[in-house]
Amino acid sequence: MKIDIKKLFKKILIIILIIYAIIILINQQKQLNNYSESIAATEKKIEEANEHKDSLISLKQSTSSLEYIEKIAREKLNMYKPNEKVYIDVGS
């Protein structure tokens, strides 16, 4: 009888260890999926930040051009070149 109890105990112990290992593997898979989602979201944020940076660099380059400066001076500051004639439409 003692031999049967030892075998039964070993089988129960092995079954418990297998169940424990399966639970650990399932939890690790969930964590890996969460990490993968987090990585994808972070990569998307990095891509958006790079696009924003590129647009800012483009804007910086265009703001230092003479055409942009002249456009802003005309539209926002009402400045004109010397000897330039300005016509104002008062008909409407």
PDB file of N, CA and C in Angstrom:
ATOM      1  N   MET A   1       0.799  -1.186   0.000  1.00  0.00           N
ATOM      2  CA  MET A   1       0.000   0.000   0.000  1.00  0.00           C
ATOM      3  C   MET A   1       0.849   1.260   0.000  1.00  0.00           C
ATOM      4  N   LYS A   2       1.971   1.263   0.692  1.00  0.00           N
ATOM      5  CA  LYS A   2       2.805   2.445   0.742  1.00  0.00           C
ATOM      6  C   LYS A   2       3.361   2.777  -0.630  1.00  0.00           C
ATOM      7  N   ILE A   3       3.620   1.799  -1.436  1.00  0.00           N
ATOM      8  CA  ILE A   3       4.132   2.027  -2.786  1.00  0.00           C
ATOM      9  C   ILE A   3       3.079   2.751  -3.630  1.00  0.00           C
ATOM     10  N   ASP A   4       1.859   2.373  -3.499  1.00  0.00           N
ATOM     11  CA  ASP A   4       0.773   3.018  -4.242  1.00  0.00           C
ATOM     12  C   ASP A   4       0.615   4.475  -3.820  1.00  0.00           C
ATOM     13  N   ILE A   5       0.754   4.774  -2.561  1.00  0.00           N
ATOM     14  CA  ILE A   5       0.614   6.156  -2.070  1.00  0.00           C
ATOM     15  C   ILE A   5       1.759   7.014  -2.605  1.00  0.00           C
ATOM     16  N   LYS A   6       2.968   6.470  -2.657  1.00  0.00           N
ATOM     17  CA  LYS A   6       4.105   7.215  -3.195  1.00  0.00           C
ATOM     18  C   LYS A   6       3.911   7.499  -4.675  1.00  0.00           C
ATOM     19  N   LYS A   7       3.438   6.527  -5.432  1.00  0.00           N
ATOM     20  CA  LYS A   7       3.200   6.720  -6.862  1.00  0.00           C
ATOM     21  C   LYS A   7       2.098   7.743  -7.093  1.00  0.00           C
ATOM     22  N   LEU A   8       1.059   7.644  -6.290  1.00  0.00           N
ATOM     23  CA  LEU A   8      -0.048   8.596  -6.404  1.00  0.00           C
ATOM     24  C   LEU A   8       0.431  10.006  -6.061  1.00  0.00           C
ATOM     25  N   PHE A   9       1.220  10.133  -5.037  1.00  0.00           N
ATOM     26  CA  PHE A   9       1.760  11.431  -4.649  1.00  0.00           C
ATOM     27  C   PHE A   9       2.631  12.006  -5.760  1.00  0.00           C
ATOM     28  N   LYS A  10       3.478  11.188  -6.373  1.00  0.00           N
ATOM     29  CA  LYS A  10       4.328  11.635  -7.469  1.00  0.00           C
ATOM     30  C   LYS A  10       3.486  12.096  -8.657  1.00  0.00           C
ATOM     31  N   LYS A  11       2.437  11.352  -8.989  1.00  0.00           N
ATOM     32  CA  LYS A  11       1.573  11.717 -10.111  1.00  0.00           C
ATOM     33  C   LYS A  11       0.863  13.045  -9.839  1.00  0.00           C
ATOM     34  N   ILE A  12       0.369  13.209  -8.623  1.00  0.00           N
ATOM     35  CA  ILE A  12      -0.313  14.454  -8.267  1.00  0.00           C
ATOM     36  C   ILE A  12       0.671  15.629  -8.330  1.00  0.00           C
ATOM     37  N   LEU A  13       1.861  15.408  -7.831  1.00  0.00           N
ATOM     38  CA  LEU A  13       2.887  16.447  -7.862  1.00  0.00           C
ATOM     39  C   LEU A  13       3.243  16.815  -9.300  1.00  0.00           C
ATOM     40  N   ILE A  14       3.393  15.847 -10.165  1.00  0.00           N
ATOM     41  CA  ILE A  14       3.706  16.105 -11.575  1.00  0.00           C
ATOM     42  C   ILE A  14       2.557  16.869 -12.245  1.00  0.00           C
ATOM     43  N   ILE A  15       1.338  16.480 -11.953  1.00  0.00           N
ATOM     44  CA  ILE A  15       0.170  17.165 -12.536  1.00  0.00           C
ATOM     45  C   ILE A  15       0.125  18.622 -12.054  1.00  0.00           C
ATOM     46  N   ILE A  16       0.389  18.841 -10.785  1.00  0.00           N
ATOM     47  CA  ILE A  16       0.395  20.208 -10.239  1.00  0.00           C
ATOM     48  C   ILE A  16       1.488  21.043 -10.912  1.00  0.00           C
ATOM     49  N   LEU A  17       2.669  20.463 -11.089  1.00  0.00           N
ATOM     50  CA  LEU A  17       3.771  21.179 -11.744  1.00  0.00           C
ATOM     51  C   LEU A  17       3.433  21.508 -13.199  1.00  0.00           C
ATOM     52  N   ILE A  18       2.803  20.593 -13.892  1.00  0.00           N
ATOM     53  CA  ILE A  18       2.415  20.834 -15.286  1.00  0.00           C
ATOM     54  C   ILE A  18       1.377  21.961 -15.355  1.00  0.00           C
ATOM     55  N   ILE A  19       0.394  21.918 -14.496  1.00  0.00           N
ATOM     56  CA  ILE A  19      -0.628  22.979 -14.475  1.00  0.00           C
ATOM     57  C   ILE A  19       0.018  24.325 -14.151  1.00  0.00           C
ATOM     58  N   TYR A  20       0.926  24.336 -13.193  1.00  0.00           N
ATOM     59  CA  TYR A  20       1.634  25.564 -12.822  1.00  0.00           C
ATOM     60  C   TYR A  20       2.431  26.110 -14.011  1.00  0.00           C
ATOM     61  N   ALA A  21       3.133  25.221 -14.730  1.00  0.00           N
ATOM     62  CA  ALA A  21       3.915  25.636 -15.895  1.00  0.00           C
ATOM     63  C   ALA A  21       3.006  26.210 -16.984  1.00  0.00           C
ATOM     64  N   ILE A  22       1.865  25.608 -17.202  1.00  0.00           N
ATOM     65  CA  ILE A  22       0.918  26.096 -18.215  1.00  0.00           C
ATOM     66  C   ILE A  22       0.405  27.489 -17.827  1.00  0.00           C
ATOM     67  N   ILE A  23       0.080  27.672 -16.568  1.00  0.00           N
ATOM     68  CA  ILE A  23      -0.397  28.982 -16.114  1.00  0.00           C
ATOM     69  C   ILE A  23       0.684  30.051 -16.305  1.00  0.00           C
ATOM     70  N   ILE A  24       1.910  29.715 -15.977  1.00  0.00           N
ATOM     71  CA  ILE A  24       3.019  30.658 -16.162  1.00  0.00           C
ATOM     72  C   ILE A  24       3.188  31.001 -17.644  1.00  0.00           C
ATOM     73  N   LEU A  25       3.138  30.008 -18.506  1.00  0.00           N
ATOM     74  CA  LEU A  25       3.284  30.255 -19.945  1.00  0.00           C
ATOM     75  C   LEU A  25       2.165  31.151 -20.480  1.00  0.00           C
ATOM     76  N   ILE A  26       0.954  30.932 -20.019  1.00  0.00           N
ATOM     77  CA  ILE A  26      -0.178  31.767 -20.462  1.00  0.00           C
ATOM     78  C   ILE A  26       0.026  33.217 -20.009  1.00  0.00           C
ATOM     79  N   ASN A  27       0.439  33.395 -18.766  1.00  0.00           N
ATOM     80  CA  ASN A  27       0.680  34.745 -18.259  1.00  0.00           C
ATOM     81  C   ASN A  27       1.814  35.440 -19.006  1.00  0.00           C
ATOM     82  N   GLN A  28       2.867  34.702 -19.313  1.00  0.00           N
ATOM     83  CA  GLN A  28       3.981  35.277 -20.059  1.00  0.00           C
ATOM     84  C   GLN A  28       3.554  35.669 -21.468  1.00  0.00           C
ATOM     85  N   GLN A  29       2.706  34.880 -22.082  1.00  0.00           N
ATOM     86  CA  GLN A  29       2.220  35.203 -23.424  1.00  0.00           C
ATOM     87  C   GLN A  29       1.390  36.490 -23.394  1.00  0.00           C
ATOM     88  N   LYS A  30       0.575  36.646 -22.348  1.00  0.00           N
ATOM     89  CA  LYS A  30      -0.204  37.877 -22.195  1.00  0.00           C
ATOM     90  C   LYS A  30       0.720  39.086 -22.048  1.00  0.00           C
ATOM     91  N   GLN A  31       1.769  38.928 -21.240  1.00  0.00           N
ATOM     92  CA  GLN A  31       2.717  40.025 -21.057  1.00  0.00           C
ATOM     93  C   GLN A  31       3.428  40.354 -22.367  1.00  0.00           C
ATOM     94  N   LEU A  32       3.812  39.340 -23.116  1.00  0.00           N
ATOM     95  CA  LEU A  32       4.467  39.580 -24.408  1.00  0.00           C
ATOM     96  C   LEU A  32       3.544  40.318 -25.366  1.00  0.00           C
ATOM     97  N   ASN A  33       2.269  39.957 -25.370  1.00  0.00           N
ATOM     98  CA  ASN A  33       1.312  40.662 -26.222  1.00  0.00           C
ATOM     99  C   ASN A  33       1.173  42.119 -25.804  1.00  0.00           C
ATOM    100  N   ASN A  34       1.121  42.364 -24.495  1.00  0.00           N
ATOM    101  CA  ASN A  34       1.051  43.747 -24.009  1.00  0.00           C
ATOM    102  C   ASN A  34       2.297  44.536 -24.395  1.00  0.00           C
ATOM    103  N   TYR A  35       3.451  43.916 -24.274  1.00  0.00           N
ATOM    104  CA  TYR A  35       4.695  44.585 -24.651  1.00  0.00           C
ATOM    105  C   TYR A  35       4.727  44.884 -26.151  1.00  0.00           C
ATOM    106  N   SER A  36       4.243  43.964 -26.946  1.00  0.00           N
ATOM    107  CA  SER A  36       4.206  44.172 -28.398  1.00  0.00           C
ATOM    108  C   SER A  36       3.297  45.344 -28.755  1.00  0.00           C
ATOM    109  N   GLU A  37       2.148  45.428 -28.099  1.00  0.00           N
ATOM    110  CA  GLU A  37       1.240  46.553 -28.338  1.00  0.00           C
ATOM    111  C   GLU A  37       1.884  47.866 -27.907  1.00  0.00           C
ATOM    112  N   SER A  38       2.570  47.836 -26.789  1.00  0.00           N
ATOM    113  CA  SER A  38       3.237  49.039 -26.288  1.00  0.00           C
ATOM    114  C   SER A  38       4.341  49.480 -27.246  1.00  0.00           C
ATOM    115  N   ILE A  39       5.082  48.531 -27.768  1.00  0.00           N
ATOM    116  CA  ILE A  39       6.148  48.843 -28.727  1.00  0.00           C
ATOM    117  C   ILE A  39       5.559  49.450 -29.989  1.00  0.00           C
ATOM    118  N   ALA A  40       4.477  48.881 -30.486  1.00  0.00           N
ATOM    119  CA  ALA A  40       3.842  49.401 -31.693  1.00  0.00           C
ATOM    120  C   ALA A  40       3.334  50.828 -31.469  1.00  0.00           C
ATOM    121  N   ALA A  41       2.732  51.083 -30.322  1.00  0.00           N
ATOM    122  CA  ALA A  41       2.231  52.432 -30.022  1.00  0.00           C
ATOM    123  C   ALA A  41       3.379  53.427 -29.912  1.00  0.00           C
ATOM    124  N   THR A  42       4.467  53.017 -29.294  1.00  0.00           N
ATOM    125  CA  THR A  42       5.627  53.891 -29.154  1.00  0.00           C
ATOM    126  C   THR A  42       6.258  54.171 -30.508  1.00  0.00           C
ATOM    127  N   GLU A  43       6.350  53.160 -31.367  1.00  0.00           N
ATOM    128  CA  GLU A  43       6.902  53.375 -32.702  1.00  0.00           C
ATOM    129  C   GLU A  43       6.030  54.332 -33.506  1.00  0.00           C
ATOM    130  N   LYS A  44       4.725  54.237 -33.329  1.00  0.00           N
ATOM    131  CA  LYS A  44       3.815  55.159 -34.016  1.00  0.00           C
ATOM    132  C   LYS A  44       4.033  56.583 -33.533  1.00  0.00           C
ATOM    133  N   LYS A  45       4.193  56.756 -32.214  1.00  0.00           N
ATOM    134  CA  LYS A  45       4.456  58.087 -31.664  1.00  0.00           C
ATOM    135  C   LYS A  45       5.776  58.643 -32.195  1.00  0.00           C
ATOM    136  N   ILE A  46       6.784  57.801 -32.298  1.00  0.00           N
ATOM    137  CA  ILE A  46       8.078  58.234 -32.820  1.00  0.00           C
ATOM    138  C   ILE A  46       7.940  58.674 -34.269  1.00  0.00           C
ATOM    139  N   GLU A  47       7.200  57.910 -35.060  1.00  0.00           N
ATOM    140  CA  GLU A  47       6.987  58.258 -36.463  1.00  0.00           C
ATOM    141  C   GLU A  47       6.256  59.593 -36.583  1.00  0.00           C
ATOM    142  N   GLU A  48       5.223  59.801 -35.766  1.00  0.00           N
ATOM    143  CA  GLU A  48       4.487  61.062 -35.795  1.00  0.00           C
ATOM    144  C   GLU A  48       5.386  62.223 -35.371  1.00  0.00           C
ATOM    145  N   ALA A  49       6.227  61.997 -34.367  1.00  0.00           N
ATOM    146  CA  ALA A  49       7.146  63.045 -33.913  1.00  0.00           C
ATOM    147  C   ALA A  49       8.157  63.388 -35.005  1.00  0.00           C
ATOM    148  N   ASN A  50       8.639  62.386 -35.728  1.00  0.00           N
ATOM    149  CA  ASN A  50       9.572  62.639 -36.822  1.00  0.00           C
ATOM    150  C   ASN A  50       8.908  63.424 -37.941  1.00  0.00           C
ATOM    151  N   GLU A  51       7.648  63.098 -38.246  1.00  0.00           N
ATOM    152  CA  GLU A  51       6.926  63.849 -39.273  1.00  0.00           C
ATOM    153  C   GLU A  51       6.723  65.291 -38.839  1.00  0.00           C
ATOM    154  N   HIS A  52       6.397  65.492 -37.569  1.00  0.00           N
ATOM    155  CA  HIS A  52       6.218  66.849 -37.045  1.00  0.00           C
ATOM    156  C   HIS A  52       7.540  67.611 -37.108  1.00  0.00           C
ATOM    157  N   LYS A  53       8.622  66.932 -36.750  1.00  0.00           N
ATOM    158  CA  LYS A  53       9.943  67.553 -36.805  1.00  0.00           C
ATOM    159  C   LYS A  53      10.277  67.972 -38.226  1.00  0.00           C
ATOM    160  N   ASP A  54       9.991  67.100 -39.208  1.00  0.00           N
ATOM    161  CA  ASP A  54      10.260  67.427 -40.602  1.00  0.00           C
ATOM    162  C   ASP A  54       9.444  68.632 -41.058  1.00  0.00           C
ATOM    163  N   SER A  55       8.180  68.696 -40.622  1.00  0.00           N
ATOM    164  CA  SER A  55       7.354  69.847 -41.011  1.00  0.00           C
ATOM    165  C   SER A  55       7.876  71.125 -40.368  1.00  0.00           C
ATOM    166  N   LEU A  56       8.354  71.035 -39.129  1.00  0.00           N
ATOM    167  CA  LEU A  56       8.927  72.214 -38.473  1.00  0.00           C
ATOM    168  C   LEU A  56      10.215  72.665 -39.154  1.00  0.00           C
ATOM    169  N   ILE A  57      11.035  71.722 -39.577  1.00  0.00           N
ATOM    170  CA  ILE A  57      12.266  72.066 -40.297  1.00  0.00           C
ATOM    171  C   ILE A  57      11.917  72.752 -41.614  1.00  0.00           C
ATOM    172  N   SER A  58      10.919  72.226 -42.301  1.00  0.00           N
ATOM    173  CA  SER A  58      10.478  72.832 -43.555  1.00  0.00           C
ATOM    174  C   SER A  58       9.960  74.247 -43.319  1.00  0.00           C
ATOM    175  N   LEU A  59       9.174  74.425 -42.268  1.00  0.00           N
ATOM    176  CA  LEU A  59       8.648  75.746 -41.933  1.00  0.00           C
ATOM    177  C   LEU A  59       9.775  76.703 -41.577  1.00  0.00           C
ATOM    178  N   LYS A  60      10.755  76.219 -40.839  1.00  0.00           N
ATOM    179  CA  LYS A  60      11.902  77.052 -40.468  1.00  0.00           C
ATOM    180  C   LYS A  60      12.651  77.513 -41.707  1.00  0.00           C
ATOM    181  N   GLN A  61      12.835  76.614 -42.650  1.00  0.00           N
ATOM    182  CA  GLN A  61      13.548  76.978 -43.871  1.00  0.00           C
ATOM    183  C   GLN A  61      12.749  77.973 -44.698  1.00  0.00           C
ATOM    184  N   SER A  62      11.427  77.794 -44.732  1.00  0.00           N
ATOM    185  CA  SER A  62      10.619  78.712 -45.538  1.00  0.00           C
ATOM    186  C   SER A  62      10.498  80.076 -44.872  1.00  0.00           C
ATOM    187  N   THR A  63      10.544  80.135 -43.555  1.00  0.00           N
ATOM    188  CA  THR A  63      10.419  81.425 -42.879  1.00  0.00           C
ATOM    189  C   THR A  63      11.656  82.280 -43.038  1.00  0.00           C
ATOM    190  N   SER A  64      12.760  81.692 -43.346  1.00  0.00           N
ATOM    191  CA  SER A  64      13.975  82.488 -43.537  1.00  0.00           C
ATOM    192  C   SER A  64      14.139  82.936 -44.986  1.00  0.00           C
ATOM    193  N   SER A  65      13.220  82.558 -45.862  1.00  0.00           N
ATOM    194  CA  SER A  65      13.328  82.982 -47.264  1.00  0.00           C
ATOM    195  C   SER A  65      12.798  84.404 -47.410  1.00  0.00           C
ATOM    196  N   LEU A  66      13.314  85.122 -48.379  1.00  0.00           N
ATOM    197  CA  LEU A  66      12.904  86.501 -48.609  1.00  0.00           C
ATOM    198  C   LEU A  66      11.442  86.595 -49.026  1.00  0.00           C
ATOM    199  N   GLU A  67      10.961  85.611 -49.780  1.00  0.00           N
ATOM    200  CA  GLU A  67       9.574  85.634 -50.220  1.00  0.00           C
ATOM    201  C   GLU A  67       8.618  85.565 -49.021  1.00  0.00           C
ATOM    202  N   TYR A  68       8.931  84.714 -48.069  1.00  0.00           N
ATOM    203  CA  TYR A  68       8.076  84.578 -46.887  1.00  0.00           C
ATOM    204  C   TYR A  68       8.088  85.862 -46.059  1.00  0.00           C
ATOM    205  N   ILE A  69       9.272  86.427 -45.877  1.00  0.00           N
ATOM    206  CA  ILE A  69       9.396  87.659 -45.104  1.00  0.00           C
ATOM    207  C   ILE A  69       8.601  88.778 -45.775  1.00  0.00           C
ATOM    208  N   GLU A  70       8.712  88.886 -47.097  1.00  0.00           N
ATOM    209  CA  GLU A  70       7.965  89.910 -47.822  1.00  0.00           C
ATOM    210  C   GLU A  70       6.456  89.685 -47.706  1.00  0.00           C
ATOM    211  N   LYS A  71       6.035  88.443 -47.798  1.00  0.00           N
ATOM    212  CA  LYS A  71       4.609  88.117 -47.687  1.00  0.00           C
ATOM    213  C   LYS A  71       4.056  88.515 -46.314  1.00  0.00           C
ATOM    214  N   ILE A  72       4.770  88.185 -45.267  1.00  0.00           N
ATOM    215  CA  ILE A  72       4.334  88.537 -43.919  1.00  0.00           C
ATOM    216  C   ILE A  72       4.328  90.053 -43.733  1.00  0.00           C
ATOM    217  N   ALA A  73       5.345  90.729 -44.262  1.00  0.00           N
ATOM    218  CA  ALA A  73       5.407  92.187 -44.140  1.00  0.00           C
ATOM    219  C   ALA A  73       4.209  92.829 -44.837  1.00  0.00           C
ATOM    220  N   ARG A  74       3.820  92.306 -45.981  1.00  0.00           N
ATOM    221  CA  ARG A  74       2.674  92.863 -46.704  1.00  0.00           C
ATOM    222  C   ARG A  74       1.351  92.543 -46.002  1.00  0.00           C
ATOM    223  N   GLU A  75       1.151  91.292 -45.616  1.00  0.00           N
ATOM    224  CA  GLU A  75      -0.150  90.853 -45.102  1.00  0.00           C
ATOM    225  C   GLU A  75      -0.400  91.278 -43.660  1.00  0.00           C
ATOM    226  N   LYS A  76       0.584  91.171 -42.820  1.00  0.00           N
ATOM    227  CA  LYS A  76       0.344  91.397 -41.402  1.00  0.00           C
ATOM    228  C   LYS A  76       0.785  92.784 -40.933  1.00  0.00           C
ATOM    229  N   LEU A  77       1.798  93.318 -41.580  1.00  0.00           N
ATOM    230  CA  LEU A  77       2.344  94.596 -41.119  1.00  0.00           C
ATOM    231  C   LEU A  77       1.982  95.761 -42.047  1.00  0.00           C
ATOM    232  N   ASN A  78       1.289  95.466 -43.146  1.00  0.00           N
ATOM    233  CA  ASN A  78       0.908  96.483 -44.134  1.00  0.00           C
ATOM    234  C   ASN A  78       2.110  97.298 -44.607  1.00  0.00           C
ATOM    235  N   MET A  79       3.192  96.613 -44.847  1.00  0.00           N
ATOM    236  CA  MET A  79       4.403  97.266 -45.352  1.00  0.00           C
ATOM    237  C   MET A  79       4.510  97.005 -46.848  1.00  0.00           C
ATOM    238  N   TYR A  80       5.111  97.996 -47.552  1.00  0.00           N
ATOM    239  CA  TYR A  80       5.267  97.883 -49.005  1.00  0.00           C
ATOM    240  C   TYR A  80       6.664  98.350 -49.380  1.00  0.00           C
ATOM    241  N   LYS A  81       7.074  97.990 -50.578  1.00  0.00           N
ATOM    242  CA  LYS A  81       8.389  98.397 -51.077  1.00  0.00           C
ATOM    243  C   LYS A  81       8.377  99.895 -51.360  1.00  0.00           C
ATOM    244  N   PRO A  82       9.540 100.514 -51.293  1.00  0.00           N
ATOM    245  CA  PRO A  82       9.601 101.950 -51.624  1.00  0.00           C
ATOM    246  C   PRO A  82       9.158 102.177 -53.075  1.00  0.00           C
ATOM    247  N   ASN A  83       8.490 103.255 -53.320  1.00  0.00           N
ATOM    248  CA  ASN A  83       7.996 103.660 -54.646  1.00  0.00           C
ATOM    249  C   ASN A  83       6.973 102.673 -55.209  1.00  0.00           C
ATOM    250  N   GLU A  84       6.371 101.865 -54.354  1.00  0.00           N
ATOM    251  CA  GLU A  84       5.340 100.933 -54.812  1.00  0.00           C
ATOM    252  C   GLU A  84       3.991 101.604 -54.637  1.00  0.00           C
ATOM    253  N   LYS A  85       3.168 101.490 -55.647  1.00  0.00           N
ATOM    254  CA  LYS A  85       1.841 102.104 -55.588  1.00  0.00           C
ATOM    255  C   LYS A  85       0.855 101.086 -55.027  1.00  0.00           C
ATOM    256  N   VAL A  86       0.055 101.544 -54.083  1.00  0.00           N
ATOM    257  CA  VAL A  86      -0.936 100.698 -53.436  1.00  0.00           C
ATOM    258  C   VAL A  86      -2.297 101.230 -53.810  1.00  0.00           C
ATOM    259  N   TYR A  87      -3.135 100.369 -54.332  1.00  0.00           N
ATOM    260  CA  TYR A  87      -4.495 100.759 -54.701  1.00  0.00           C
ATOM    261  C   TYR A  87      -5.466 100.100 -53.737  1.00  0.00           C
ATOM    262  N   ILE A  88      -6.401 100.878 -53.261  1.00  0.00           N
ATOM    263  CA  ILE A  88      -7.402 100.373 -52.334  1.00  0.00           C
ATOM    264  C   ILE A  88      -8.745 100.440 -53.042  1.00  0.00           C
ATOM    265  N   ASP A  89      -9.458  99.352 -53.099  1.00  0.00           N
ATOM    266  CA  ASP A  89     -10.779  99.293 -53.733  1.00  0.00           C
ATOM    267  C   ASP A  89     -11.821  99.745 -52.726  1.00  0.00           C
ATOM    268  N   VAL A  90     -12.428 100.885 -52.972  1.00  0.00           N
ATOM    269  CA  VAL A  90     -13.452 101.404 -52.085  1.00  0.00           C
ATOM    270  C   VAL A  90     -14.839 101.253 -52.674  1.00  0.00           C
ATOM    271  N   GLY A  91     -14.934 100.582 -53.817  1.00  0.00           N
ATOM    272  CA  GLY A  91     -16.202 100.438 -54.521  1.00  0.00           C
ATOM    273  C   GLY A  91     -17.160  99.450 -53.865  1.00  0.00           C
ATOM    274  N   SER A  92     -16.724  98.578 -53.048  1.00  0.00           N
ATOM    275  CA  SER A  92     -17.641  97.570 -52.509  1.00  0.00           C
ATOM    276  C   SER A  92     -17.996  97.808 -51.120  1.00  0.00           C
TER     277      SER A  92
END
